[in-house]
Amino acid sequence: MKKVRVFSTSSCPYCVTLKEFLKENNIEFEDIDVAQDAEAREEMIKKSGQMGVPVLEIDDEIVVGFDRERISQLLDIKD
């Protein structure tokens, strides 16, 4: 099983949509609120080069934003 981490904030509608998509497809993930965790925010920026959320880490792959096609490909989700 792949390790999935979602860097998000509670006020981000794309983050909510992404997490619902993962739940609907029975994908376990760690949800990291970068508005509350400065260390995680720095980690996210370092890995992605982005300050915006969501940022998804699947094993060592970084996906910026809710890119359904790329996420489905990386997690082997069939639509």
PDB file of N, CA and C in Angstrom:
ATOM      1  N   MET A   1       0.836  -1.188   0.000  1.00  0.00           N
ATOM      2  CA  MET A   1       0.000   0.000   0.000  1.00  0.00           C
ATOM      3  C   MET A   1       0.880   1.251   0.000  1.00  0.00           C
ATOM      4  N   LYS A   2       0.498   2.203  -0.807  1.00  0.00           N
ATOM      5  CA  LYS A   2       1.292   3.422  -0.908  1.00  0.00           C
ATOM      6  C   LYS A   2       1.022   4.351   0.271  1.00  0.00           C
ATOM      7  N   LYS A   3       2.060   5.086   0.643  1.00  0.00           N
ATOM      8  CA  LYS A   3       1.921   6.074   1.717  1.00  0.00           C
ATOM      9  C   LYS A   3       1.394   7.365   1.104  1.00  0.00           C
ATOM     10  N   VAL A   4       0.273   7.833   1.616  1.00  0.00           N
ATOM     11  CA  VAL A   4      -0.386   9.020   1.068  1.00  0.00           C
ATOM     12  C   VAL A   4      -0.506  10.077   2.155  1.00  0.00           C
ATOM     13  N   ARG A   5      -0.022  11.287   1.844  1.00  0.00           N
ATOM     14  CA  ARG A   5      -0.114  12.419   2.770  1.00  0.00           C
ATOM     15  C   ARG A   5      -0.749  13.587   2.032  1.00  0.00           C
ATOM     16  N   VAL A   6      -1.712  14.243   2.683  1.00  0.00           N
ATOM     17  CA  VAL A   6      -2.386  15.386   2.098  1.00  0.00           C
ATOM     18  C   VAL A   6      -2.035  16.619   2.929  1.00  0.00           C
ATOM     19  N   PHE A   7      -1.362  17.570   2.317  1.00  0.00           N
ATOM     20  CA  PHE A   7      -1.080  18.854   2.950  1.00  0.00           C
ATOM     21  C   PHE A   7      -2.248  19.764   2.583  1.00  0.00           C
ATOM     22  N   SER A   8      -2.978  20.248   3.600  1.00  0.00           N
ATOM     23  CA  SER A   8      -4.203  20.987   3.327  1.00  0.00           C
ATOM     24  C   SER A   8      -4.454  22.041   4.395  1.00  0.00           C
ATOM     25  N   THR A   9      -5.551  22.773   4.211  1.00  0.00           N
ATOM     26  CA  THR A   9      -6.070  23.663   5.252  1.00  0.00           C
ATOM     27  C   THR A   9      -7.564  23.387   5.364  1.00  0.00           C
ATOM     28  N   SER A  10      -8.136  23.738   6.497  1.00  0.00           N
ATOM     29  CA  SER A  10      -9.559  23.470   6.711  1.00  0.00           C
ATOM     30  C   SER A  10     -10.451  24.375   5.867  1.00  0.00           C
ATOM     31  N   SER A  11      -9.923  25.502   5.389  1.00  0.00           N
ATOM     32  CA  SER A  11     -10.736  26.451   4.630  1.00  0.00           C
ATOM     33  C   SER A  11     -10.621  26.280   3.114  1.00  0.00           C
ATOM     34  N   CYS A  12      -9.915  25.270   2.659  1.00  0.00           N
ATOM     35  CA  CYS A  12      -9.658  25.070   1.227  1.00  0.00           C
ATOM     36  C   CYS A  12     -10.686  24.104   0.624  1.00  0.00           C
ATOM     37  N   PRO A  13     -11.560  24.592  -0.284  1.00  0.00           N
ATOM     38  CA  PRO A  13     -12.570  23.703  -0.871  1.00  0.00           C
ATOM     39  C   PRO A  13     -11.969  22.592  -1.732  1.00  0.00           C
ATOM     40  N   TYR A  14     -10.842  22.848  -2.391  1.00  0.00           N
ATOM     41  CA  TYR A  14     -10.193  21.806  -3.204  1.00  0.00           C
ATOM     42  C   TYR A  14      -9.631  20.698  -2.318  1.00  0.00           C
ATOM     43  N   CYS A  15      -9.187  21.073  -1.117  1.00  0.00           N
ATOM     44  CA  CYS A  15      -8.681  20.080  -0.162  1.00  0.00           C
ATOM     45  C   CYS A  15      -9.806  19.143   0.268  1.00  0.00           C
ATOM     46  N   VAL A  16     -10.962  19.723   0.552  1.00  0.00           N
ATOM     47  CA  VAL A  16     -12.127  18.928   0.957  1.00  0.00           C
ATOM     48  C   VAL A  16     -12.502  17.955  -0.158  1.00  0.00           C
ATOM     49  N   THR A  17     -12.539  18.457  -1.394  1.00  0.00           N
ATOM     50  CA  THR A  17     -12.885  17.618  -2.541  1.00  0.00           C
ATOM     51  C   THR A  17     -11.869  16.495  -2.720  1.00  0.00           C
ATOM     52  N   LEU A  18     -10.597  16.807  -2.589  1.00  0.00           N
ATOM     53  CA  LEU A  18      -9.542  15.801  -2.706  1.00  0.00           C
ATOM     54  C   LEU A  18      -9.697  14.718  -1.643  1.00  0.00           C
ATOM     55  N   LYS A  19      -9.914  15.118  -0.398  1.00  0.00           N
ATOM     56  CA  LYS A  19     -10.034  14.135   0.688  1.00  0.00           C
ATOM     57  C   LYS A  19     -11.281  13.274   0.525  1.00  0.00           C
ATOM     58  N   GLU A  20     -12.381  13.858   0.032  1.00  0.00           N
ATOM     59  CA  GLU A  20     -13.585  13.071  -0.249  1.00  0.00           C
ATOM     60  C   GLU A  20     -13.319  12.051  -1.349  1.00  0.00           C
ATOM     61  N   PHE A  21     -12.596  12.459  -2.379  1.00  0.00           N
ATOM     62  CA  PHE A  21     -12.233  11.560  -3.470  1.00  0.00           C
ATOM     63  C   PHE A  21     -11.423  10.374  -2.940  1.00  0.00           C
ATOM     64  N   LEU A  22     -10.458  10.640  -2.074  1.00  0.00           N
ATOM     65  CA  LEU A  22      -9.638   9.563  -1.508  1.00  0.00           C
ATOM     66  C   LEU A  22     -10.488   8.629  -0.654  1.00  0.00           C
ATOM     67  N   LYS A  23     -11.365   9.203   0.175  1.00  0.00           N
ATOM     68  CA  LYS A  23     -12.245   8.381   1.026  1.00  0.00           C
ATOM     69  C   LYS A  23     -13.166   7.504   0.185  1.00  0.00           C
ATOM     70  N   GLU A  24     -13.761   8.087  -0.869  1.00  0.00           N
ATOM     71  CA  GLU A  24     -14.667   7.331  -1.746  1.00  0.00           C
ATOM     72  C   GLU A  24     -13.970   6.146  -2.393  1.00  0.00           C
ATOM     73  N   ASN A  25     -12.664   6.264  -2.595  1.00  0.00           N
ATOM     74  CA  ASN A  25     -11.888   5.196  -3.225  1.00  0.00           C
ATOM     75  C   ASN A  25     -11.120   4.354  -2.212  1.00  0.00           C
ATOM     76  N   ASN A  26     -11.498   4.484  -0.942  1.00  0.00           N
ATOM     77  CA  ASN A  26     -10.910   3.684   0.140  1.00  0.00           C
ATOM     78  C   ASN A  26      -9.393   3.797   0.210  1.00  0.00           C
ATOM     79  N   ILE A  27      -8.898   5.017   0.020  1.00  0.00           N
ATOM     80  CA  ILE A  27      -7.464   5.278   0.109  1.00  0.00           C
ATOM     81  C   ILE A  27      -7.183   5.875   1.487  1.00  0.00           C
ATOM     82  N   GLU A  28      -6.353   5.197   2.264  1.00  0.00           N
ATOM     83  CA  GLU A  28      -5.961   5.730   3.561  1.00  0.00           C
ATOM     84  C   GLU A  28      -4.945   6.843   3.350  1.00  0.00           C
ATOM     85  N   PHE A  29      -5.072   7.911   4.138  1.00  0.00           N
ATOM     86  CA  PHE A  29      -4.149   9.032   3.992  1.00  0.00           C
ATOM     87  C   PHE A  29      -3.979   9.755   5.315  1.00  0.00           C
ATOM     88  N   GLU A  30      -2.836  10.423   5.417  1.00  0.00           N
ATOM     89  CA  GLU A  30      -2.549  11.279   6.564  1.00  0.00           C
ATOM     90  C   GLU A  30      -2.901  12.702   6.149  1.00  0.00           C
ATOM     91  N   ASP A  31      -3.761  13.342   6.937  1.00  0.00           N
ATOM     92  CA  ASP A  31      -4.184  14.712   6.643  1.00  0.00           C
ATOM     93  C   ASP A  31      -3.354  15.660   7.502  1.00  0.00           C
ATOM     94  N   ILE A  32      -2.646  16.580   6.860  1.00  0.00           N
ATOM     95  CA  ILE A  32      -1.755  17.502   7.567  1.00  0.00           C
ATOM     96  C   ILE A  32      -2.239  18.922   7.324  1.00  0.00           C
ATOM     97  N   ASP A  33      -2.696  19.585   8.378  1.00  0.00           N
ATOM     98  CA  ASP A  33      -3.202  20.962   8.283  1.00  0.00           C
ATOM     99  C   ASP A  33      -2.024  21.924   8.392  1.00  0.00           C
ATOM    100  N   VAL A  34      -1.607  22.467   7.246  1.00  0.00           N
ATOM    101  CA  VAL A  34      -0.433  23.336   7.222  1.00  0.00           C
ATOM    102  C   VAL A  34      -0.718  24.725   7.787  1.00  0.00           C
ATOM    103  N   ALA A  35      -1.985  25.048   8.022  1.00  0.00           N
ATOM    104  CA  ALA A  35      -2.321  26.315   8.680  1.00  0.00           C
ATOM    105  C   ALA A  35      -1.995  26.231  10.169  1.00  0.00           C
ATOM    106  N   GLN A  36      -2.001  25.019  10.708  1.00  0.00           N
ATOM    107  CA  GLN A  36      -1.755  24.798  12.135  1.00  0.00           C
ATOM    108  C   GLN A  36      -0.339  24.324  12.437  1.00  0.00           C
ATOM    109  N   ASP A  37       0.346  23.801  11.422  1.00  0.00           N
ATOM    110  CA  ASP A  37       1.646  23.152  11.636  1.00  0.00           C
ATOM    111  C   ASP A  37       2.711  23.813  10.751  1.00  0.00           C
ATOM    112  N   ALA A  38       3.460  24.745  11.329  1.00  0.00           N
ATOM    113  CA  ALA A  38       4.467  25.505  10.575  1.00  0.00           C
ATOM    114  C   ALA A  38       5.564  24.597  10.021  1.00  0.00           C
ATOM    115  N   GLU A  39       5.954  23.594  10.760  1.00  0.00           N
ATOM    116  CA  GLU A  39       6.999  22.669  10.314  1.00  0.00           C
ATOM    117  C   GLU A  39       6.537  21.894   9.077  1.00  0.00           C
ATOM    118  N   ALA A  40       5.291  21.432   9.113  1.00  0.00           N
ATOM    119  CA  ALA A  40       4.731  20.714   7.960  1.00  0.00           C
ATOM    120  C   ALA A  40       4.589  21.643   6.762  1.00  0.00           C
ATOM    121  N   ARG A  41       4.241  22.901   7.011  1.00  0.00           N
ATOM    122  CA  ARG A  41       4.116  23.884   5.927  1.00  0.00           C
ATOM    123  C   ARG A  41       5.462  24.069   5.227  1.00  0.00           C
ATOM    124  N   GLU A  42       6.525  24.187   6.019  1.00  0.00           N
ATOM    125  CA  GLU A  42       7.872  24.321   5.443  1.00  0.00           C
ATOM    126  C   GLU A  42       8.255  23.079   4.644  1.00  0.00           C
ATOM    127  N   GLU A  43       7.902  21.897   5.163  1.00  0.00           N
ATOM    128  CA  GLU A  43       8.181  20.641   4.458  1.00  0.00           C
ATOM    129  C   GLU A  43       7.448  20.618   3.110  1.00  0.00           C
ATOM    130  N   MET A  44       6.176  21.032   3.125  1.00  0.00           N
ATOM    131  CA  MET A  44       5.371  21.062   1.904  1.00  0.00           C
ATOM    132  C   MET A  44       5.985  22.005   0.868  1.00  0.00           C
ATOM    133  N   ILE A  45       6.379  23.194   1.294  1.00  0.00           N
ATOM    134  CA  ILE A  45       6.965  24.186   0.380  1.00  0.00           C
ATOM    135  C   ILE A  45       8.277  23.664  -0.194  1.00  0.00           C
ATOM    136  N   LYS A  46       9.086  23.041   0.656  1.00  0.00           N
ATOM    137  CA  LYS A  46      10.379  22.501   0.223  1.00  0.00           C
ATOM    138  C   LYS A  46      10.182  21.392  -0.819  1.00  0.00           C
ATOM    139  N   LYS A  47       9.209  20.511  -0.579  1.00  0.00           N
ATOM    140  CA  LYS A  47       8.997  19.376  -1.482  1.00  0.00           C
ATOM    141  C   LYS A  47       8.324  19.783  -2.783  1.00  0.00           C
ATOM    142  N   SER A  48       7.388  20.738  -2.711  1.00  0.00           N
ATOM    143  CA  SER A  48       6.562  21.042  -3.885  1.00  0.00           C
ATOM    144  C   SER A  48       6.938  22.341  -4.589  1.00  0.00           C
ATOM    145  N   GLY A  49       7.629  23.228  -3.873  1.00  0.00           N
ATOM    146  CA  GLY A  49       7.901  24.540  -4.427  1.00  0.00           C
ATOM    147  C   GLY A  49       6.658  25.429  -4.436  1.00  0.00           C
ATOM    148  N   GLN A  50       5.613  25.003  -3.767  1.00  0.00           N
ATOM    149  CA  GLN A  50       4.327  25.698  -3.758  1.00  0.00           C
ATOM    150  C   GLN A  50       3.943  26.123  -2.351  1.00  0.00           C
ATOM    151  N   MET A  51       3.228  27.240  -2.270  1.00  0.00           N
ATOM    152  CA  MET A  51       2.683  27.666  -0.979  1.00  0.00           C
ATOM    153  C   MET A  51       1.189  27.379  -0.898  1.00  0.00           C
ATOM    154  N   GLY A  52       0.574  27.069  -2.052  1.00  0.00           N
ATOM    155  CA  GLY A  52      -0.857  26.786  -2.083  1.00  0.00           C
ATOM    156  C   GLY A  52      -1.148  25.328  -1.786  1.00  0.00           C
ATOM    157  N   VAL A  53      -2.380  25.078  -1.368  1.00  0.00           N
ATOM    158  CA  VAL A  53      -2.839  23.722  -1.081  1.00  0.00           C
ATOM    159  C   VAL A  53      -4.001  23.391  -2.015  1.00  0.00           C
ATOM    160  N   PRO A  54      -4.313  22.125  -2.204  1.00  0.00           N
ATOM    161  CA  PRO A  54      -3.687  20.961  -1.594  1.00  0.00           C
ATOM    162  C   PRO A  54      -2.407  20.533  -2.317  1.00  0.00           C
ATOM    163  N   VAL A  55      -1.547  19.900  -1.544  1.00  0.00           N
ATOM    164  CA  VAL A  55      -0.380  19.212  -2.091  1.00  0.00           C
ATOM    165  C   VAL A  55      -0.482  17.775  -1.599  1.00  0.00           C
ATOM    166  N   LEU A  56      -0.382  16.846  -2.514  1.00  0.00           N
ATOM    167  CA  LEU A  56      -0.525  15.435  -2.196  1.00  0.00           C
ATOM    168  C   LEU A  56       0.817  14.754  -2.396  1.00  0.00           C
ATOM    169  N   GLU A  57       1.219  13.970  -1.408  1.00  0.00           N
ATOM    170  CA  GLU A  57       2.448  13.182  -1.526  1.00  0.00           C
ATOM    171  C   GLU A  57       2.061  11.708  -1.537  1.00  0.00           C
ATOM    172  N   ILE A  58       2.375  11.047  -2.650  1.00  0.00           N
ATOM    173  CA  ILE A  58       2.102   9.619  -2.798  1.00  0.00           C
ATOM    174  C   ILE A  58       3.447   8.940  -2.920  1.00  0.00           C
ATOM    175  N   ASP A  59       3.841   8.228  -1.863  1.00  0.00           N
ATOM    176  CA  ASP A  59       5.200   7.719  -1.738  1.00  0.00           C
ATOM    177  C   ASP A  59       6.150   8.905  -1.936  1.00  0.00           C
ATOM    178  N   ASP A  60       6.924   8.942  -3.015  1.00  0.00           N
ATOM    179  CA  ASP A  60       7.845  10.061  -3.224  1.00  0.00           C
ATOM    180  C   ASP A  60       7.388  11.007  -4.332  1.00  0.00           C
ATOM    181  N   GLU A  61       6.178  10.786  -4.852  1.00  0.00           N
ATOM    182  CA  GLU A  61       5.629  11.635  -5.921  1.00  0.00           C
ATOM    183  C   GLU A  61       4.834  12.783  -5.302  1.00  0.00           C
ATOM    184  N   ILE A  62       5.010  13.989  -5.829  1.00  0.00           N
ATOM    185  CA  ILE A  62       4.273  15.165  -5.373  1.00  0.00           C
ATOM    186  C   ILE A  62       3.260  15.563  -6.445  1.00  0.00           C
ATOM    187  N   VAL A  63       2.019  15.770  -6.027  1.00  0.00           N
ATOM    188  CA  VAL A  63       0.969  16.254  -6.928  1.00  0.00           C
ATOM    189  C   VAL A  63       0.441  17.555  -6.323  1.00  0.00           C
ATOM    190  N   VAL A  64       0.504  18.626  -7.105  1.00  0.00           N
ATOM    191  CA  VAL A  64       0.021  19.926  -6.646  1.00  0.00           C
ATOM    192  C   VAL A  64      -1.397  20.124  -7.166  1.00  0.00           C
ATOM    193  N   GLY A  65      -2.307  20.430  -6.255  1.00  0.00           N
ATOM    194  CA  GLY A  65      -3.705  20.621  -6.627  1.00  0.00           C
ATOM    195  C   GLY A  65      -4.430  19.294  -6.735  1.00  0.00           C
ATOM    196  N   PHE A  66      -5.726  19.382  -7.031  1.00  0.00           N
ATOM    197  CA  PHE A  66      -6.535  18.174  -7.180  1.00  0.00           C
ATOM    198  C   PHE A  66      -6.531  17.752  -8.646  1.00  0.00           C
ATOM    199  N   ASP A  67      -5.460  17.056  -9.024  1.00  0.00           N
ATOM    200  CA  ASP A  67      -5.287  16.535 -10.382  1.00  0.00           C
ATOM    201  C   ASP A  67      -5.810  15.096 -10.385  1.00  0.00           C
ATOM    202  N   ARG A  68      -7.132  14.965 -10.600  1.00  0.00           N
ATOM    203  CA  ARG A  68      -7.796  13.668 -10.486  1.00  0.00           C
ATOM    204  C   ARG A  68      -7.134  12.601 -11.362  1.00  0.00           C
ATOM    205  N   GLU A  69      -6.783  12.964 -12.598  1.00  0.00           N
ATOM    206  CA  GLU A  69      -6.192  11.996 -13.527  1.00  0.00           C
ATOM    207  C   GLU A  69      -4.844  11.486 -13.020  1.00  0.00           C
ATOM    208  N   ARG A  70      -3.989  12.393 -12.592  1.00  0.00           N
ATOM    209  CA  ARG A  70      -2.653  12.001 -12.100  1.00  0.00           C
ATOM    210  C   ARG A  70      -2.759  11.196 -10.803  1.00  0.00           C
ATOM    211  N   ILE A  71      -3.639  11.629  -9.907  1.00  0.00           N
ATOM    212  CA  ILE A  71      -3.828  10.928  -8.627  1.00  0.00           C
ATOM    213  C   ILE A  71      -4.352   9.520  -8.884  1.00  0.00           C
ATOM    214  N   SER A  72      -5.337   9.407  -9.774  1.00  0.00           N
ATOM    215  CA  SER A  72      -5.890   8.089 -10.108  1.00  0.00           C
ATOM    216  C   SER A  72      -4.824   7.183 -10.691  1.00  0.00           C
ATOM    217  N   GLN A  73      -3.966   7.750 -11.528  1.00  0.00           N
ATOM    218  CA  GLN A  73      -2.881   6.974 -12.139  1.00  0.00           C
ATOM    219  C   GLN A  73      -1.912   6.476 -11.063  1.00  0.00           C
ATOM    220  N   LEU A  74      -1.492   7.375 -10.175  1.00  0.00           N
ATOM    221  CA  LEU A  74      -0.517   7.007  -9.139  1.00  0.00           C
ATOM    222  C   LEU A  74      -1.071   6.004  -8.135  1.00  0.00           C
ATOM    223  N   LEU A  75      -2.377   6.076  -7.862  1.00  0.00           N
ATOM    224  CA  LEU A  75      -2.999   5.202  -6.861  1.00  0.00           C
ATOM    225  C   LEU A  75      -3.736   4.023  -7.498  1.00  0.00           C
ATOM    226  N   ASP A  76      -3.641   3.902  -8.824  1.00  0.00           N
ATOM    227  CA  ASP A  76      -4.269   2.811  -9.558  1.00  0.00           C
ATOM    228  C   ASP A  76      -5.783   2.773  -9.302  1.00  0.00           C
ATOM    229  N   ILE A  77      -6.407   3.952  -9.393  1.00  0.00           N
ATOM    230  CA  ILE A  77      -7.858   4.066  -9.233  1.00  0.00           C
ATOM    231  C   ILE A  77      -8.465   4.053 -10.629  1.00  0.00           C
ATOM    232  N   LYS A  78      -9.452   3.173 -10.806  1.00  0.00           N
ATOM    233  CA  LYS A  78     -10.144   3.087 -12.099  1.00  0.00           C
ATOM    234  C   LYS A  78     -11.442   3.876 -12.010  1.00  0.00           C
ATOM    235  N   ASP A  79     -11.626   4.825 -12.922  1.00  0.00           N
ATOM    236  CA  ASP A  79     -12.883   5.613 -12.948  1.00  0.00           C
ATOM    237  C   ASP A  79     -13.930   4.905 -13.760  1.00  0.00           C
TER     238      ASP A  79
END
